[in-house]
Amino acid sequence: MNSITEISQIDLAPVSLASSSNGRTSGKNWKATKTATDGVKSKSWNDRMEKTKKEHAIKKLQAEMREEKQAELTRKREVTLERKKAAEERRRIEEEKAKVTFMINTLAIHANLRSQMGQRKAARLRRKAGRSKKING
């Protein structure tokens, strides 16, 4: 029974009133006096600088990796573009070759019609047919 009476006496202990900066007391004894918060400095300057250096190194590495990836994509695009250009050039040369072959065949077939076509026109067509180095050489 003694322990119960001791607990009740502790609970009934008077609460002191909080005093204000002017010395007055309000009736609000549940409010504590306000004080400035202590500054929290968890890490030293050197620790923070080390962390910053690591972050900069990581960002630099990420930027390099992005640049490498972009360079690889650009290189692939260039290779594809070169292949397309080469294929287009081959196709164009083949068309020219076919056109010249057709003209030569036409000239050979119509060699007997030279008088109708005219000697000058036939010579001009022959010269025109043999003009391209890509086709003949």
N, C-alpha and C. Protein backbone atom coordinates (compact mmCIF):
# COMPACT_ATOMS: atom_id res chain seq x y z
N MET A 1 0.78 -1.19 0.00
CA MET A 1 0.00 0.00 0.00
C MET A 1 0.83 1.27 0.00
N ASN A 2 1.97 1.17 0.53
CA ASN A 2 2.86 2.33 0.57
C ASN A 2 3.24 2.79 -0.84
N SER A 3 3.42 1.84 -1.74
CA SER A 3 3.83 2.21 -3.10
C SER A 3 2.71 2.96 -3.82
N ILE A 4 1.46 2.63 -3.53
CA ILE A 4 0.34 3.32 -4.17
C ILE A 4 0.25 4.75 -3.67
N THR A 5 0.46 4.96 -2.42
CA THR A 5 0.38 6.32 -1.89
C THR A 5 1.55 7.16 -2.38
N GLU A 6 2.70 6.55 -2.57
CA GLU A 6 3.86 7.29 -3.09
C GLU A 6 3.61 7.73 -4.54
N ILE A 7 3.02 6.86 -5.34
CA ILE A 7 2.73 7.19 -6.74
C ILE A 7 1.71 8.31 -6.80
N SER A 8 0.71 8.25 -5.97
CA SER A 8 -0.31 9.29 -6.00
C SER A 8 0.25 10.62 -5.52
N GLN A 9 1.19 10.59 -4.60
CA GLN A 9 1.81 11.83 -4.15
C GLN A 9 2.68 12.44 -5.25
N ILE A 10 3.33 11.59 -6.05
CA ILE A 10 4.16 12.09 -7.15
C ILE A 10 3.27 12.71 -8.21
N ASP A 11 2.15 12.07 -8.50
CA ASP A 11 1.25 12.60 -9.51
C ASP A 11 0.64 13.93 -9.08
N LEU A 12 0.47 14.13 -7.82
CA LEU A 12 -0.17 15.33 -7.33
C LEU A 12 0.81 16.47 -7.05
N ALA A 13 2.07 16.27 -7.42
CA ALA A 13 3.06 17.31 -7.17
C ALA A 13 2.71 18.54 -7.99
N PRO A 14 2.85 19.73 -7.44
CA PRO A 14 2.48 20.95 -8.17
C PRO A 14 3.43 21.19 -9.35
N VAL A 15 2.84 21.67 -10.47
CA VAL A 15 3.61 21.98 -11.67
C VAL A 15 3.95 23.46 -11.62
N SER A 16 5.22 23.76 -11.85
CA SER A 16 5.63 25.16 -11.79
C SER A 16 5.13 25.90 -13.03
N LEU A 17 4.83 27.17 -12.84
CA LEU A 17 4.35 27.98 -13.95
C LEU A 17 5.54 28.42 -14.81
N ALA A 18 5.31 28.47 -16.13
CA ALA A 18 6.37 28.90 -17.03
C ALA A 18 6.44 30.41 -17.02
N SER A 19 7.63 30.92 -16.81
CA SER A 19 7.76 32.38 -16.74
C SER A 19 8.11 32.92 -18.12
N SER A 20 7.67 34.12 -18.40
CA SER A 20 7.95 34.73 -19.69
C SER A 20 9.24 35.53 -19.58
N SER A 21 9.62 36.12 -20.70
CA SER A 21 10.86 36.90 -20.70
C SER A 21 10.71 38.19 -19.89
N ASN A 22 9.49 38.67 -19.74
CA ASN A 22 9.27 39.89 -18.97
C ASN A 22 9.11 39.63 -17.48
N GLY A 23 9.13 38.36 -17.12
CA GLY A 23 9.00 38.04 -15.71
C GLY A 23 7.58 37.72 -15.31
N ARG A 24 6.63 37.94 -16.22
CA ARG A 24 5.25 37.62 -15.91
C ARG A 24 5.03 36.14 -16.08
N THR A 25 4.03 35.63 -15.49
CA THR A 25 3.69 34.22 -15.64
C THR A 25 2.29 34.12 -16.19
N SER A 26 2.17 33.26 -17.20
CA SER A 26 0.83 33.00 -17.70
C SER A 26 0.29 31.80 -16.96
N GLY A 27 -0.95 31.56 -17.10
CA GLY A 27 -1.54 30.42 -16.43
C GLY A 27 -1.32 29.13 -17.20
N LYS A 28 -0.58 29.20 -18.28
CA LYS A 28 -0.39 28.03 -19.14
C LYS A 28 0.88 27.30 -18.71
N ASN A 29 0.73 26.50 -17.70
CA ASN A 29 1.91 25.82 -17.21
C ASN A 29 2.29 24.61 -18.08
N TRP A 30 1.50 24.29 -19.09
CA TRP A 30 1.86 23.17 -19.98
C TRP A 30 2.81 23.63 -21.09
N LYS A 31 2.95 24.96 -21.20
CA LYS A 31 3.85 25.47 -22.24
C LYS A 31 5.23 25.70 -21.65
N ALA A 32 6.22 25.13 -22.35
CA ALA A 32 7.59 25.31 -21.89
C ALA A 32 8.15 26.61 -22.45
N THR A 33 9.19 27.09 -21.83
CA THR A 33 9.82 28.31 -22.34
C THR A 33 10.55 28.00 -23.64
N LYS A 34 10.51 28.96 -24.53
CA LYS A 34 11.14 28.75 -25.83
C LYS A 34 12.59 29.20 -25.77
N THR A 35 13.43 28.34 -26.33
CA THR A 35 14.85 28.67 -26.39
C THR A 35 15.34 28.43 -27.81
N ALA A 36 16.50 28.99 -28.14
CA ALA A 36 17.07 28.81 -29.47
C ALA A 36 17.51 27.36 -29.65
N THR A 37 17.30 26.87 -30.84
CA THR A 37 17.69 25.49 -31.13
C THR A 37 19.20 25.42 -31.33
N ASP A 38 19.79 24.40 -30.78
CA ASP A 38 21.22 24.20 -30.98
C ASP A 38 21.47 23.79 -32.43
N GLY A 39 22.50 24.34 -33.03
CA GLY A 39 22.83 23.99 -34.41
C GLY A 39 23.30 22.55 -34.50
N VAL A 40 22.81 21.86 -35.52
CA VAL A 40 23.19 20.46 -35.68
C VAL A 40 24.27 20.39 -36.75
N LYS A 41 25.45 20.04 -36.38
CA LYS A 41 26.54 19.90 -37.34
C LYS A 41 27.01 18.46 -37.26
N SER A 42 26.46 17.67 -38.18
CA SER A 42 26.75 16.24 -38.11
C SER A 42 28.11 15.91 -38.71
N LYS A 43 28.53 16.68 -39.72
CA LYS A 43 29.77 16.32 -40.39
C LYS A 43 30.68 17.54 -40.51
N SER A 44 31.93 17.27 -40.58
CA SER A 44 32.89 18.36 -40.71
C SER A 44 32.97 18.82 -42.17
N TRP A 45 33.67 19.91 -42.37
CA TRP A 45 33.83 20.48 -43.72
C TRP A 45 34.52 19.48 -44.64
N ASN A 46 35.55 18.83 -44.15
CA ASN A 46 36.30 17.88 -44.98
C ASN A 46 35.43 16.70 -45.41
N ASP A 47 34.60 16.22 -44.49
CA ASP A 47 33.70 15.10 -44.85
C ASP A 47 32.73 15.53 -45.94
N ARG A 48 32.19 16.75 -45.81
CA ARG A 48 31.26 17.23 -46.83
C ARG A 48 31.96 17.43 -48.18
N MET A 49 33.20 17.90 -48.14
CA MET A 49 33.95 18.09 -49.39
C MET A 49 34.26 16.75 -50.05
N GLU A 50 34.56 15.74 -49.25
CA GLU A 50 34.79 14.39 -49.80
C GLU A 50 33.53 13.87 -50.49
N LYS A 51 32.39 14.09 -49.83
CA LYS A 51 31.12 13.65 -50.41
C LYS A 51 30.85 14.39 -51.73
N THR A 52 31.13 15.70 -51.74
CA THR A 52 30.93 16.50 -52.96
C THR A 52 31.85 16.01 -54.07
N LYS A 53 33.11 15.70 -53.73
CA LYS A 53 34.04 15.20 -54.74
C LYS A 53 33.56 13.89 -55.33
N LYS A 54 33.05 13.00 -54.48
CA LYS A 54 32.54 11.72 -54.97
C LYS A 54 31.35 11.94 -55.90
N GLU A 55 30.45 12.85 -55.52
CA GLU A 55 29.28 13.13 -56.36
C GLU A 55 29.71 13.70 -57.71
N HIS A 56 30.70 14.59 -57.70
CA HIS A 56 31.20 15.16 -58.97
C HIS A 56 31.83 14.08 -59.84
N ALA A 57 32.58 13.16 -59.21
CA ALA A 57 33.21 12.08 -59.97
C ALA A 57 32.15 11.18 -60.60
N ILE A 58 31.09 10.90 -59.83
CA ILE A 58 30.01 10.05 -60.36
C ILE A 58 29.32 10.75 -61.52
N LYS A 59 29.04 12.04 -61.37
CA LYS A 59 28.39 12.79 -62.45
C LYS A 59 29.26 12.83 -63.70
N LYS A 60 30.57 12.99 -63.50
CA LYS A 60 31.49 13.03 -64.64
C LYS A 60 31.49 11.69 -65.36
N LEU A 61 31.52 10.61 -64.59
CA LEU A 61 31.50 9.26 -65.18
C LEU A 61 30.20 9.03 -65.94
N GLN A 62 29.09 9.46 -65.37
CA GLN A 62 27.80 9.31 -66.05
C GLN A 62 27.77 10.10 -67.35
N ALA A 63 28.32 11.31 -67.33
CA ALA A 63 28.36 12.13 -68.55
C ALA A 63 29.21 11.46 -69.62
N GLU A 64 30.35 10.89 -69.21
CA GLU A 64 31.21 10.18 -70.17
C GLU A 64 30.48 8.99 -70.78
N MET A 65 29.77 8.25 -69.95
CA MET A 65 29.03 7.09 -70.44
C MET A 65 27.93 7.52 -71.42
N ARG A 66 27.24 8.63 -71.10
CA ARG A 66 26.22 9.14 -72.01
C ARG A 66 26.84 9.55 -73.34
N GLU A 67 28.00 10.22 -73.28
CA GLU A 67 28.67 10.65 -74.50
C GLU A 67 29.10 9.45 -75.34
N GLU A 68 29.62 8.40 -74.68
CA GLU A 68 30.03 7.20 -75.42
C GLU A 68 28.83 6.55 -76.10
N LYS A 69 27.72 6.50 -75.38
CA LYS A 69 26.51 5.90 -75.95
C LYS A 69 26.03 6.71 -77.15
N GLN A 70 26.05 8.04 -77.01
CA GLN A 70 25.63 8.91 -78.11
C GLN A 70 26.57 8.78 -79.30
N ALA A 71 27.87 8.67 -79.02
CA ALA A 71 28.85 8.52 -80.11
C ALA A 71 28.63 7.20 -80.85
N GLU A 72 28.31 6.15 -80.11
CA GLU A 72 28.04 4.85 -80.74
C GLU A 72 26.81 4.93 -81.64
N LEU A 73 25.75 5.58 -81.15
CA LEU A 73 24.54 5.75 -81.96
C LEU A 73 24.84 6.57 -83.22
N THR A 74 25.61 7.63 -83.05
CA THR A 74 25.97 8.47 -84.20
C THR A 74 26.78 7.67 -85.21
N ARG A 75 27.74 6.87 -84.72
CA ARG A 75 28.56 6.06 -85.62
C ARG A 75 27.69 5.07 -86.39
N LYS A 76 26.75 4.43 -85.70
CA LYS A 76 25.86 3.48 -86.37
C LYS A 76 25.03 4.18 -87.44
N ARG A 77 24.54 5.38 -87.12
CA ARG A 77 23.75 6.13 -88.10
C ARG A 77 24.60 6.48 -89.33
N GLU A 78 25.85 6.87 -89.08
CA GLU A 78 26.75 7.23 -90.19
C GLU A 78 26.99 6.02 -91.08
N VAL A 79 27.23 4.85 -90.46
CA VAL A 79 27.49 3.64 -91.25
C VAL A 79 26.26 3.29 -92.09
N THR A 80 25.09 3.36 -91.48
CA THR A 80 23.85 3.06 -92.21
C THR A 80 23.66 4.04 -93.36
N LEU A 81 23.91 5.31 -93.10
CA LEU A 81 23.76 6.33 -94.14
C LEU A 81 24.74 6.09 -95.29
N GLU A 82 25.98 5.73 -94.96
CA GLU A 82 26.98 5.44 -95.99
C GLU A 82 26.55 4.25 -96.84
N ARG A 83 26.03 3.21 -96.18
CA ARG A 83 25.56 2.03 -96.92
C ARG A 83 24.43 2.40 -97.86
N LYS A 84 23.49 3.21 -97.37
CA LYS A 84 22.38 3.63 -98.22
C LYS A 84 22.86 4.43 -99.42
N LYS A 85 23.82 5.34 -99.16
CA LYS A 85 24.36 6.14 -100.26
C LYS A 85 25.06 5.26 -101.29
N ALA A 86 25.85 4.29 -100.81
CA ALA A 86 26.56 3.40 -101.73
C ALA A 86 25.57 2.57 -102.54
N ALA A 87 24.51 2.07 -101.90
CA ALA A 87 23.50 1.28 -102.61
C ALA A 87 22.79 2.14 -103.65
N GLU A 88 22.48 3.37 -103.30
CA GLU A 88 21.82 4.28 -104.25
C GLU A 88 22.74 4.58 -105.44
N GLU A 89 24.02 4.78 -105.15
CA GLU A 89 24.98 5.04 -106.23
C GLU A 89 25.09 3.83 -107.16
N ARG A 90 25.17 2.62 -106.56
CA ARG A 90 25.22 1.40 -107.39
C ARG A 90 23.98 1.27 -108.25
N ARG A 91 22.82 1.54 -107.67
CA ARG A 91 21.57 1.44 -108.41
C ARG A 91 21.55 2.46 -109.56
N ARG A 92 22.00 3.67 -109.27
CA ARG A 92 22.02 4.71 -110.30
C ARG A 92 22.98 4.34 -111.44
N ILE A 93 24.14 3.80 -111.08
CA ILE A 93 25.11 3.39 -112.11
C ILE A 93 24.54 2.27 -112.96
N GLU A 94 23.86 1.32 -112.30
CA GLU A 94 23.25 0.22 -113.05
C GLU A 94 22.20 0.75 -114.03
N GLU A 95 21.41 1.71 -113.59
CA GLU A 95 20.41 2.30 -114.48
C GLU A 95 21.08 2.99 -115.67
N GLU A 96 22.14 3.74 -115.38
CA GLU A 96 22.88 4.40 -116.46
C GLU A 96 23.46 3.38 -117.43
N LYS A 97 24.03 2.31 -116.86
CA LYS A 97 24.61 1.26 -117.69
C LYS A 97 23.55 0.63 -118.59
N ALA A 98 22.38 0.37 -117.99
CA ALA A 98 21.28 -0.22 -118.77
C ALA A 98 20.84 0.73 -119.87
N LYS A 99 20.78 2.02 -119.54
CA LYS A 99 20.36 3.01 -120.53
C LYS A 99 21.36 3.09 -121.68
N VAL A 100 22.66 3.10 -121.33
CA VAL A 100 23.70 3.17 -122.36
C VAL A 100 23.69 1.90 -123.21
N THR A 101 23.54 0.75 -122.55
CA THR A 101 23.49 -0.52 -123.28
C THR A 101 22.32 -0.52 -124.25
N PHE A 102 21.20 -0.02 -123.79
CA PHE A 102 20.03 0.05 -124.65
C PHE A 102 20.30 0.96 -125.85
N MET A 103 20.94 2.10 -125.59
CA MET A 103 21.24 3.03 -126.68
C MET A 103 22.21 2.41 -127.68
N ILE A 104 23.24 1.71 -127.16
CA ILE A 104 24.21 1.08 -128.06
C ILE A 104 23.54 0.01 -128.89
N ASN A 105 22.70 -0.79 -128.23
CA ASN A 105 21.97 -1.83 -128.96
C ASN A 105 21.05 -1.21 -130.01
N THR A 106 20.42 -0.12 -129.63
CA THR A 106 19.56 0.57 -130.58
C THR A 106 20.36 1.09 -131.76
N LEU A 107 21.54 1.62 -131.46
CA LEU A 107 22.40 2.12 -132.54
C LEU A 107 22.85 0.97 -133.45
N ALA A 108 23.19 -0.16 -132.83
CA ALA A 108 23.65 -1.30 -133.63
C ALA A 108 22.52 -1.83 -134.50
N ILE A 109 21.32 -1.87 -133.94
CA ILE A 109 20.18 -2.37 -134.71
C ILE A 109 19.87 -1.41 -135.85
N HIS A 110 19.95 -0.15 -135.56
CA HIS A 110 19.58 0.84 -136.56
C HIS A 110 20.79 1.39 -137.32
N ALA A 111 21.87 0.62 -137.33
CA ALA A 111 23.06 1.08 -138.05
C ALA A 111 22.76 1.25 -139.53
N ASN A 112 21.90 0.39 -140.02
CA ASN A 112 21.57 0.51 -141.43
C ASN A 112 20.65 1.69 -141.69
N LEU A 113 20.04 2.20 -140.60
CA LEU A 113 19.16 3.36 -140.77
C LEU A 113 19.91 4.67 -140.56
N ARG A 114 21.24 4.59 -140.61
CA ARG A 114 22.06 5.77 -140.35
C ARG A 114 21.73 6.91 -141.31
N SER A 115 21.41 6.55 -142.48
CA SER A 115 21.08 7.60 -143.44
C SER A 115 19.82 8.34 -143.04
N GLN A 116 18.89 7.62 -142.43
CA GLN A 116 17.65 8.28 -141.99
C GLN A 116 17.92 9.13 -140.75
N MET A 117 18.75 8.59 -139.82
CA MET A 117 19.01 9.32 -138.58
C MET A 117 19.96 10.48 -138.86
N GLY A 118 20.89 10.26 -139.65
CA GLY A 118 21.90 11.27 -139.90
C GLY A 118 23.20 10.85 -139.25
N GLN A 119 24.28 11.07 -139.98
CA GLN A 119 25.58 10.64 -139.49
C GLN A 119 25.98 11.40 -138.23
N ARG A 120 25.70 12.67 -138.21
CA ARG A 120 26.09 13.50 -137.07
C ARG A 120 25.39 13.05 -135.78
N LYS A 121 24.11 12.78 -135.87
CA LYS A 121 23.34 12.37 -134.69
C LYS A 121 23.84 11.03 -134.17
N ALA A 122 24.16 10.08 -135.07
CA ALA A 122 24.67 8.78 -134.66
C ALA A 122 26.01 8.92 -133.97
N ALA A 123 26.89 9.76 -134.49
CA ALA A 123 28.19 9.99 -133.87
C ALA A 123 28.02 10.64 -132.50
N ARG A 124 27.10 11.59 -132.41
CA ARG A 124 26.84 12.26 -131.14
C ARG A 124 26.35 11.27 -130.10
N LEU A 125 25.44 10.37 -130.47
CA LEU A 125 24.93 9.36 -129.54
C LEU A 125 26.04 8.40 -129.12
N ARG A 126 26.93 8.04 -130.05
CA ARG A 126 28.05 7.16 -129.69
C ARG A 126 28.98 7.84 -128.69
N ARG A 127 29.26 9.11 -128.94
CA ARG A 127 30.13 9.85 -128.01
C ARG A 127 29.47 9.97 -126.64
N LYS A 128 28.19 10.24 -126.62
CA LYS A 128 27.44 10.37 -125.37
C LYS A 128 27.43 9.05 -124.61
N ALA A 129 27.35 7.95 -125.30
CA ALA A 129 27.32 6.63 -124.67
C ALA A 129 28.65 6.31 -124.01
N GLY A 130 29.76 6.77 -124.54
CA GLY A 130 31.07 6.45 -124.00
C GLY A 130 31.64 7.52 -123.11
N ARG A 131 30.81 8.43 -122.62
CA ARG A 131 31.31 9.57 -121.87
C ARG A 131 31.64 9.25 -120.40
N SER A 132 30.91 8.36 -119.76
CA SER A 132 31.05 8.13 -118.33
C SER A 132 32.19 7.17 -118.03
N LYS A 133 33.08 7.56 -117.11
CA LYS A 133 34.18 6.69 -116.71
C LYS A 133 33.66 5.56 -115.82
N LYS A 134 32.66 5.86 -114.99
CA LYS A 134 32.13 4.86 -114.07
C LYS A 134 31.51 3.70 -114.83
N ILE A 135 30.90 4.00 -115.95
CA ILE A 135 30.22 2.96 -116.71
C ILE A 135 31.21 2.17 -117.55
N ASN A 136 32.11 2.86 -118.22
CA ASN A 136 33.03 2.19 -119.13
C ASN A 136 34.30 1.73 -118.45
N GLY A 137 34.67 2.33 -117.38
CA GLY A 137 35.96 2.00 -116.79
C GLY A 137 35.78 1.37 -115.51
